[in-house]
């Protein structure tokens, strides 16, 4: 265990206890942990389970069920590729393949240099400008492979 681990575990416990009394506290706690660390660390599962009097399986099930939660540290930036029907009808499947090849990762993975994480998203609300991608919080429409190259630069 690295020296930062006790501090990390203490921070996780603090975040969990801060919202434990709220009804439906599990999701807000997991969001708070991910906001703090950029992901939900493995060591958070038993701590949150203990604080909320849940099984580790229940907490792990929620973390892995929701695509929004990460279990590994993300890249410096995140590329989201829309997989909704409108984007699919306008070529997002080919764009997904291109992004995977360009970044040399699959969905839910991070590039070897730690620069980008690649994530699927199921609607960016930019259907009229399909296919759409988002880098961090900026949405781009009518994205082609060439335009994706420009965006990622």
N, C-alpha and C. Protein backbone atom coordinates (compact mmCIF):
# COMPACT_ATOMS: atom_id res chain seq x y z
N UNK A 1 0.83 -1.17 0.00
CA UNK A 1 0.00 0.00 0.00
C UNK A 1 0.89 1.25 0.00
N UNK A 2 0.62 2.15 -0.91
CA UNK A 2 1.42 3.36 -0.97
C UNK A 2 1.03 4.29 0.18
N UNK A 3 1.87 5.29 0.42
CA UNK A 3 1.60 6.22 1.52
C UNK A 3 0.33 7.01 1.29
N UNK A 4 -0.06 7.21 0.04
CA UNK A 4 -1.28 7.95 -0.26
C UNK A 4 -2.55 7.16 0.00
N UNK A 5 -2.42 5.84 0.11
CA UNK A 5 -3.61 4.99 0.29
C UNK A 5 -4.39 5.29 1.57
N UNK A 6 -3.75 5.41 2.74
CA UNK A 6 -4.55 5.73 3.93
C UNK A 6 -5.30 7.06 3.78
N UNK A 7 -4.67 8.04 3.16
CA UNK A 7 -5.32 9.33 2.93
C UNK A 7 -6.50 9.17 1.98
N UNK A 8 -6.31 8.37 0.94
CA UNK A 8 -7.38 8.12 -0.03
C UNK A 8 -8.55 7.43 0.65
N UNK A 9 -8.25 6.40 1.44
CA UNK A 9 -9.30 5.66 2.14
C UNK A 9 -10.03 6.56 3.14
N UNK A 10 -9.31 7.43 3.81
CA UNK A 10 -9.93 8.36 4.76
C UNK A 10 -10.84 9.34 4.01
N UNK A 11 -10.41 9.80 2.86
CA UNK A 11 -11.23 10.72 2.07
C UNK A 11 -12.49 10.01 1.57
N UNK A 12 -12.36 8.77 1.15
CA UNK A 12 -13.53 8.00 0.70
C UNK A 12 -14.51 7.83 1.86
N UNK A 13 -14.00 7.47 3.02
CA UNK A 13 -14.86 7.29 4.19
C UNK A 13 -15.57 8.60 4.55
N UNK A 14 -14.84 9.71 4.48
CA UNK A 14 -15.42 11.02 4.78
C UNK A 14 -16.55 11.34 3.80
N UNK A 15 -16.31 11.10 2.50
CA UNK A 15 -17.34 11.36 1.48
C UNK A 15 -18.57 10.49 1.71
N UNK A 16 -18.35 9.23 2.05
CA UNK A 16 -19.46 8.31 2.27
C UNK A 16 -20.28 8.72 3.50
N UNK A 17 -19.59 9.03 4.58
CA UNK A 17 -20.29 9.39 5.82
C UNK A 17 -21.05 10.71 5.67
N UNK A 18 -20.55 11.62 4.86
CA UNK A 18 -21.19 12.92 4.69
C UNK A 18 -22.59 12.81 4.12
N UNK A 19 -22.87 11.76 3.35
CA UNK A 19 -24.18 11.63 2.73
C UNK A 19 -24.91 10.35 3.13
N UNK A 20 -24.35 9.60 4.05
CA UNK A 20 -24.91 8.29 4.42
C UNK A 20 -26.33 8.35 4.94
N UNK A 21 -26.72 9.41 5.61
CA UNK A 21 -28.05 9.50 6.21
C UNK A 21 -29.14 9.84 5.19
N UNK A 22 -28.75 10.27 4.01
CA UNK A 22 -29.73 10.64 2.98
C UNK A 22 -30.39 9.39 2.40
N UNK A 23 -31.65 9.50 2.05
CA UNK A 23 -32.33 8.39 1.36
C UNK A 23 -31.68 8.21 0.00
N UNK A 24 -31.44 6.97 -0.38
CA UNK A 24 -30.82 6.70 -1.68
C UNK A 24 -29.41 7.25 -1.78
N UNK A 25 -28.64 7.12 -0.73
CA UNK A 25 -27.32 7.75 -0.64
C UNK A 25 -26.26 7.13 -1.54
N UNK A 26 -26.45 5.89 -1.99
CA UNK A 26 -25.37 5.21 -2.71
C UNK A 26 -24.93 5.96 -3.96
N UNK A 27 -25.85 6.33 -4.83
CA UNK A 27 -25.44 7.03 -6.07
C UNK A 27 -24.77 8.37 -5.78
N UNK A 28 -25.34 9.22 -4.91
CA UNK A 28 -24.64 10.48 -4.61
C UNK A 28 -23.24 10.27 -4.03
N UNK A 29 -23.09 9.24 -3.20
CA UNK A 29 -21.76 8.96 -2.64
C UNK A 29 -20.79 8.55 -3.74
N UNK A 30 -21.23 7.66 -4.62
CA UNK A 30 -20.35 7.23 -5.71
C UNK A 30 -19.99 8.39 -6.63
N UNK A 31 -20.95 9.27 -6.89
CA UNK A 31 -20.66 10.46 -7.71
C UNK A 31 -19.64 11.35 -7.00
N UNK A 32 -19.79 11.53 -5.70
CA UNK A 32 -18.85 12.37 -4.94
C UNK A 32 -17.45 11.77 -4.99
N UNK A 33 -17.35 10.46 -4.86
CA UNK A 33 -16.04 9.80 -4.91
C UNK A 33 -15.42 10.00 -6.29
N UNK A 34 -16.23 9.79 -7.34
CA UNK A 34 -15.69 9.95 -8.69
C UNK A 34 -15.32 11.42 -8.96
N UNK A 35 -16.10 12.34 -8.44
CA UNK A 35 -15.75 13.76 -8.60
C UNK A 35 -14.41 14.07 -7.94
N UNK A 36 -14.16 13.46 -6.79
CA UNK A 36 -12.91 13.71 -6.06
C UNK A 36 -11.70 13.08 -6.73
N UNK A 37 -11.83 11.83 -7.19
CA UNK A 37 -10.68 11.07 -7.68
C UNK A 37 -10.65 10.89 -9.19
N UNK A 38 -11.75 11.20 -9.87
CA UNK A 38 -11.82 10.98 -11.32
C UNK A 38 -12.31 9.59 -11.67
N UNK A 39 -12.47 8.73 -10.68
CA UNK A 39 -12.97 7.37 -10.84
C UNK A 39 -13.36 6.85 -9.46
N UNK A 40 -13.98 5.66 -9.43
CA UNK A 40 -14.32 5.03 -8.16
C UNK A 40 -13.26 3.96 -7.90
N UNK A 41 -12.30 4.23 -7.01
CA UNK A 41 -11.23 3.27 -6.75
C UNK A 41 -11.78 1.97 -6.15
N UNK A 42 -11.09 0.89 -6.43
CA UNK A 42 -11.49 -0.43 -5.92
C UNK A 42 -11.67 -0.42 -4.40
N UNK A 43 -10.80 0.29 -3.71
CA UNK A 43 -10.88 0.31 -2.25
C UNK A 43 -12.10 1.05 -1.72
N UNK A 44 -12.82 1.76 -2.60
CA UNK A 44 -14.04 2.45 -2.18
C UNK A 44 -15.19 1.49 -1.92
N UNK A 45 -15.22 0.39 -2.64
CA UNK A 45 -16.35 -0.54 -2.54
C UNK A 45 -16.56 -1.05 -1.11
N UNK A 46 -15.55 -1.63 -0.45
CA UNK A 46 -15.81 -2.11 0.92
C UNK A 46 -16.09 -0.98 1.91
N UNK A 47 -15.50 0.18 1.70
CA UNK A 47 -15.73 1.30 2.61
C UNK A 47 -17.17 1.78 2.50
N UNK A 48 -17.63 1.98 1.28
CA UNK A 48 -19.01 2.45 1.06
C UNK A 48 -19.99 1.39 1.56
N UNK A 49 -19.69 0.13 1.28
CA UNK A 49 -20.57 -0.96 1.74
C UNK A 49 -20.69 -0.92 3.27
N UNK A 50 -19.59 -0.74 3.93
CA UNK A 50 -19.60 -0.71 5.41
C UNK A 50 -20.41 0.48 5.92
N UNK A 51 -20.14 1.66 5.36
CA UNK A 51 -20.81 2.87 5.82
C UNK A 51 -22.32 2.78 5.62
N UNK A 52 -22.75 2.20 4.50
CA UNK A 52 -24.18 2.12 4.20
C UNK A 52 -24.83 0.81 4.64
N UNK A 53 -24.04 -0.06 5.24
CA UNK A 53 -24.54 -1.37 5.67
C UNK A 53 -25.12 -2.15 4.48
N UNK A 54 -24.36 -2.16 3.41
CA UNK A 54 -24.71 -2.92 2.21
C UNK A 54 -23.64 -3.98 2.00
N UNK A 55 -23.92 -4.94 1.14
CA UNK A 55 -22.88 -5.91 0.79
C UNK A 55 -21.94 -5.28 -0.23
N UNK A 56 -20.74 -5.79 -0.29
CA UNK A 56 -19.79 -5.33 -1.31
C UNK A 56 -20.35 -5.59 -2.69
N UNK A 57 -21.06 -6.71 -2.85
CA UNK A 57 -21.64 -7.06 -4.14
C UNK A 57 -22.66 -6.02 -4.59
N UNK A 58 -23.44 -5.50 -3.65
CA UNK A 58 -24.43 -4.47 -4.01
C UNK A 58 -23.74 -3.20 -4.51
N UNK A 59 -22.73 -2.78 -3.81
CA UNK A 59 -22.01 -1.56 -4.21
C UNK A 59 -21.30 -1.80 -5.54
N UNK A 60 -20.59 -2.90 -5.67
CA UNK A 60 -19.90 -3.23 -6.91
C UNK A 60 -20.89 -3.31 -8.07
N UNK A 61 -22.06 -3.90 -7.84
CA UNK A 61 -23.07 -4.02 -8.88
C UNK A 61 -23.52 -2.67 -9.40
N UNK A 62 -23.67 -1.70 -8.52
CA UNK A 62 -24.08 -0.36 -8.95
C UNK A 62 -22.94 0.31 -9.72
N UNK A 63 -21.73 0.19 -9.23
CA UNK A 63 -20.57 0.81 -9.90
C UNK A 63 -20.43 0.26 -11.33
N UNK A 64 -20.60 -1.04 -11.49
CA UNK A 64 -20.40 -1.64 -12.81
C UNK A 64 -21.62 -1.56 -13.71
N UNK A 65 -22.81 -1.34 -13.13
CA UNK A 65 -24.03 -1.25 -13.93
C UNK A 65 -24.08 0.07 -14.69
N UNK A 66 -23.76 1.15 -14.03
CA UNK A 66 -23.85 2.47 -14.65
C UNK A 66 -22.58 2.79 -15.42
N UNK A 67 -22.74 3.07 -16.71
CA UNK A 67 -21.59 3.35 -17.57
C UNK A 67 -20.84 4.61 -17.16
N UNK A 68 -21.50 5.49 -16.46
CA UNK A 68 -20.85 6.74 -16.08
C UNK A 68 -19.70 6.51 -15.10
N UNK A 69 -19.82 5.50 -14.25
CA UNK A 69 -18.78 5.28 -13.25
C UNK A 69 -17.57 4.59 -13.85
N UNK A 70 -16.39 5.07 -13.50
CA UNK A 70 -15.14 4.48 -13.94
C UNK A 70 -14.50 3.76 -12.78
N UNK A 71 -13.80 2.69 -13.09
CA UNK A 71 -13.10 1.96 -12.03
C UNK A 71 -11.59 2.10 -12.18
N UNK A 72 -11.18 2.89 -13.17
CA UNK A 72 -9.75 3.19 -13.36
C UNK A 72 -9.61 4.68 -13.62
N UNK A 73 -8.47 5.20 -13.29
CA UNK A 73 -8.22 6.63 -13.52
C UNK A 73 -8.39 6.97 -14.99
N UNK A 74 -9.10 8.04 -15.30
CA UNK A 74 -9.30 8.42 -16.70
C UNK A 74 -8.08 9.14 -17.27
N UNK A 75 -8.10 9.29 -18.59
CA UNK A 75 -7.07 10.08 -19.25
C UNK A 75 -7.26 11.56 -18.93
N UNK A 76 -6.35 12.36 -19.41
CA UNK A 76 -6.45 13.80 -19.18
C UNK A 76 -7.71 14.36 -19.81
N UNK A 77 -8.11 13.79 -20.94
CA UNK A 77 -9.34 14.20 -21.61
C UNK A 77 -10.14 12.95 -21.95
N UNK A 78 -11.47 13.13 -22.08
CA UNK A 78 -12.33 12.01 -22.44
C UNK A 78 -13.03 12.30 -23.74
N UNK A 79 -12.95 11.35 -24.67
CA UNK A 79 -13.67 11.42 -25.94
C UNK A 79 -14.89 10.53 -25.82
N UNK A 80 -16.06 11.14 -25.93
CA UNK A 80 -17.32 10.40 -25.92
C UNK A 80 -17.83 10.33 -27.35
N UNK A 81 -18.20 9.13 -27.80
CA UNK A 81 -18.77 8.97 -29.14
C UNK A 81 -20.22 8.57 -28.96
N UNK A 82 -21.12 9.33 -29.58
CA UNK A 82 -22.54 9.07 -29.46
C UNK A 82 -22.91 7.80 -30.20
N UNK A 83 -23.68 6.94 -29.52
CA UNK A 83 -24.12 5.67 -30.10
C UNK A 83 -25.64 5.61 -30.27
N UNK A 84 -26.32 6.74 -30.11
CA UNK A 84 -27.78 6.76 -30.26
C UNK A 84 -28.16 6.55 -31.72
N UNK A 85 -29.43 6.26 -31.94
CA UNK A 85 -29.91 5.88 -33.27
C UNK A 85 -29.66 6.94 -34.33
N UNK A 86 -29.90 8.20 -34.02
CA UNK A 86 -29.70 9.25 -35.01
C UNK A 86 -28.24 9.30 -35.47
N UNK A 87 -27.33 9.20 -34.51
CA UNK A 87 -25.91 9.22 -34.87
C UNK A 87 -25.52 7.95 -35.63
N UNK A 88 -26.08 6.81 -35.23
CA UNK A 88 -25.79 5.57 -35.95
C UNK A 88 -26.24 5.68 -37.39
N UNK A 89 -27.40 6.28 -37.62
CA UNK A 89 -27.91 6.39 -38.99
C UNK A 89 -27.05 7.31 -39.85
N UNK A 90 -26.24 8.14 -39.20
CA UNK A 90 -25.39 9.08 -39.93
C UNK A 90 -23.91 8.70 -39.89
N UNK A 91 -23.61 7.45 -39.47
CA UNK A 91 -22.24 6.97 -39.60
C UNK A 91 -21.42 6.88 -38.34
N UNK A 92 -22.05 6.92 -37.18
CA UNK A 92 -21.23 6.90 -35.95
C UNK A 92 -20.53 5.56 -35.73
N UNK A 93 -21.08 4.48 -36.28
CA UNK A 93 -20.39 3.18 -36.12
C UNK A 93 -19.01 3.23 -36.77
N UNK A 94 -18.93 3.78 -37.97
CA UNK A 94 -17.64 3.91 -38.64
C UNK A 94 -16.73 4.86 -37.86
N UNK A 95 -17.33 5.91 -37.29
CA UNK A 95 -16.56 6.87 -36.50
C UNK A 95 -16.02 6.21 -35.23
N UNK A 96 -16.83 5.35 -34.60
CA UNK A 96 -16.37 4.58 -33.43
C UNK A 96 -15.15 3.75 -33.79
N UNK A 97 -15.26 3.03 -34.91
CA UNK A 97 -14.15 2.18 -35.35
C UNK A 97 -12.91 3.01 -35.60
N UNK A 98 -13.10 4.16 -36.24
CA UNK A 98 -11.96 5.04 -36.52
C UNK A 98 -11.32 5.52 -35.21
N UNK A 99 -12.15 5.93 -34.26
CA UNK A 99 -11.62 6.43 -32.98
C UNK A 99 -10.85 5.33 -32.26
N UNK A 100 -11.37 4.10 -32.28
CA UNK A 100 -10.67 2.98 -31.64
C UNK A 100 -9.31 2.75 -32.29
N UNK A 101 -9.28 2.77 -33.61
CA UNK A 101 -8.01 2.55 -34.33
C UNK A 101 -7.04 3.69 -34.08
N UNK A 102 -7.53 4.91 -34.15
CA UNK A 102 -6.65 6.07 -33.97
C UNK A 102 -6.04 6.10 -32.57
N UNK A 103 -6.88 5.86 -31.57
CA UNK A 103 -6.40 5.93 -30.19
C UNK A 103 -5.78 4.62 -29.70
N UNK A 104 -6.00 3.55 -30.46
CA UNK A 104 -5.48 2.21 -30.10
C UNK A 104 -6.03 1.74 -28.75
N UNK A 105 -7.32 2.03 -28.51
CA UNK A 105 -8.02 1.58 -27.31
C UNK A 105 -9.45 1.21 -27.69
N UNK A 106 -10.12 0.53 -26.78
CA UNK A 106 -11.54 0.24 -26.93
C UNK A 106 -12.30 1.14 -25.96
N UNK A 107 -13.63 1.07 -26.02
CA UNK A 107 -14.42 1.83 -25.06
C UNK A 107 -14.03 1.44 -23.64
N UNK A 108 -14.06 2.42 -22.75
CA UNK A 108 -13.74 2.28 -21.32
C UNK A 108 -12.24 2.06 -21.09
N UNK A 109 -11.42 2.42 -22.06
CA UNK A 109 -9.98 2.29 -21.90
C UNK A 109 -9.32 3.66 -22.09
N UNK A 110 -8.06 3.74 -21.69
CA UNK A 110 -7.29 4.97 -21.77
C UNK A 110 -6.04 4.72 -22.59
N UNK A 111 -5.66 5.69 -23.39
CA UNK A 111 -4.48 5.55 -24.23
C UNK A 111 -3.24 5.33 -23.37
N UNK A 112 -2.24 4.69 -23.96
CA UNK A 112 -1.01 4.36 -23.24
C UNK A 112 -0.34 5.61 -22.66
N UNK A 113 -0.45 6.74 -23.34
CA UNK A 113 0.17 7.97 -22.85
C UNK A 113 -0.69 8.70 -21.82
N UNK A 114 -1.89 8.15 -21.53
CA UNK A 114 -2.78 8.76 -20.54
C UNK A 114 -3.49 10.00 -21.02
N UNK A 115 -3.42 10.29 -22.31
CA UNK A 115 -4.01 11.53 -22.82
C UNK A 115 -5.52 11.44 -22.98
N UNK A 116 -6.03 10.33 -23.54
CA UNK A 116 -7.46 10.20 -23.81
C UNK A 116 -8.05 8.92 -23.25
N UNK A 117 -9.28 9.04 -22.74
CA UNK A 117 -10.12 7.88 -22.46
C UNK A 117 -11.21 7.90 -23.52
N UNK A 118 -11.65 6.73 -23.94
CA UNK A 118 -12.69 6.61 -24.95
C UNK A 118 -13.93 6.02 -24.30
N UNK A 119 -15.05 6.72 -24.42
CA UNK A 119 -16.29 6.28 -23.78
C UNK A 119 -17.46 6.38 -24.75
N UNK A 120 -18.38 5.41 -24.67
CA UNK A 120 -19.62 5.53 -25.43
C UNK A 120 -20.59 6.41 -24.66
N UNK A 121 -21.48 7.06 -25.39
CA UNK A 121 -22.55 7.83 -24.75
C UNK A 121 -23.79 7.59 -25.60
N UNK A 122 -24.95 7.63 -24.99
CA UNK A 122 -26.15 7.23 -25.70
C UNK A 122 -27.08 8.37 -26.04
N UNK A 123 -26.63 9.56 -26.07
CA UNK A 123 -27.26 10.71 -26.72
C UNK A 123 -26.61 11.95 -26.17
N UNK A 124 -26.17 12.78 -27.08
CA UNK A 124 -25.57 14.07 -26.70
C UNK A 124 -26.55 15.21 -26.95
N UNK A 125 -27.75 14.87 -27.44
CA UNK A 125 -28.74 15.91 -27.72
C UNK A 125 -28.38 16.76 -28.92
N UNK A 126 -27.56 16.22 -29.79
CA UNK A 126 -27.10 16.95 -30.97
C UNK A 126 -27.52 16.19 -32.23
N UNK A 127 -28.70 15.59 -32.18
CA UNK A 127 -29.17 14.67 -33.22
C UNK A 127 -29.23 15.32 -34.61
N UNK A 128 -29.58 16.58 -34.67
CA UNK A 128 -29.68 17.26 -35.98
C UNK A 128 -28.31 17.43 -36.63
N UNK A 129 -27.25 17.27 -35.87
CA UNK A 129 -25.89 17.43 -36.39
C UNK A 129 -25.10 16.14 -36.23
N UNK A 130 -25.75 15.04 -36.48
CA UNK A 130 -25.11 13.72 -36.33
C UNK A 130 -24.07 13.49 -37.42
N UNK A 131 -23.06 12.65 -37.12
CA UNK A 131 -22.74 12.04 -35.85
C UNK A 131 -22.02 13.03 -34.93
N UNK A 132 -22.24 12.82 -33.64
CA UNK A 132 -21.71 13.76 -32.66
C UNK A 132 -20.71 13.07 -31.74
N UNK A 133 -19.77 13.86 -31.27
CA UNK A 133 -18.82 13.42 -30.25
C UNK A 133 -18.73 14.55 -29.22
N UNK A 134 -18.15 14.23 -28.08
CA UNK A 134 -17.90 15.23 -27.06
C UNK A 134 -16.51 14.98 -26.50
N UNK A 135 -15.73 16.04 -26.36
CA UNK A 135 -14.43 15.97 -25.69
C UNK A 135 -14.58 16.77 -24.41
N UNK A 136 -14.45 16.05 -23.30
CA UNK A 136 -14.72 16.62 -21.99
C UNK A 136 -16.15 17.17 -21.99
N UNK A 137 -16.34 18.48 -22.02
CA UNK A 137 -17.70 19.03 -21.99
C UNK A 137 -18.07 19.77 -23.26
N UNK A 138 -17.26 19.64 -24.32
CA UNK A 138 -17.53 20.34 -25.56
C UNK A 138 -18.07 19.36 -26.59
N UNK A 139 -19.26 19.66 -27.13
CA UNK A 139 -19.93 18.80 -28.10
C UNK A 139 -19.60 19.28 -29.51
N UNK A 140 -19.35 18.31 -30.40
CA UNK A 140 -19.07 18.59 -31.81
C UNK A 140 -20.04 17.80 -32.66
N UNK A 141 -20.53 18.42 -33.73
CA UNK A 141 -21.47 17.75 -34.63
C UNK A 141 -20.90 17.57 -36.01
N UNK A 142 -21.59 16.69 -36.79
CA UNK A 142 -21.19 16.37 -38.17
C UNK A 142 -19.72 15.97 -38.23
N UNK A 143 -19.35 15.06 -37.35
CA UNK A 143 -17.95 14.68 -37.22
C UNK A 143 -17.60 13.56 -38.19
N UNK A 144 -16.57 13.80 -38.97
CA UNK A 144 -16.01 12.81 -39.89
C UNK A 144 -14.68 12.35 -39.29
N UNK A 145 -14.09 11.30 -39.82
CA UNK A 145 -12.76 10.92 -39.32
C UNK A 145 -11.74 12.08 -39.43
N UNK A 146 -11.77 12.81 -40.53
CA UNK A 146 -10.84 13.93 -40.68
C UNK A 146 -11.10 15.01 -39.63
N UNK A 147 -12.38 15.28 -39.37
CA UNK A 147 -12.71 16.30 -38.36
C UNK A 147 -12.33 15.79 -36.96
N UNK A 148 -12.49 14.50 -36.71
CA UNK A 148 -12.09 13.95 -35.43
C UNK A 148 -10.60 14.15 -35.21
N UNK A 149 -9.81 13.94 -36.26
CA UNK A 149 -8.36 14.18 -36.15
C UNK A 149 -8.10 15.63 -35.71
N UNK A 150 -8.81 16.58 -36.32
CA UNK A 150 -8.64 18.00 -35.97
C UNK A 150 -9.04 18.26 -34.52
N UNK A 151 -10.15 17.68 -34.11
CA UNK A 151 -10.66 17.88 -32.75
C UNK A 151 -9.65 17.35 -31.73
N UNK A 152 -9.08 16.20 -32.01
CA UNK A 152 -8.16 15.57 -31.05
C UNK A 152 -6.81 16.25 -31.01
N UNK A 153 -6.48 17.03 -32.03
CA UNK A 153 -5.22 17.78 -32.01
C UNK A 153 -5.35 18.90 -31.01
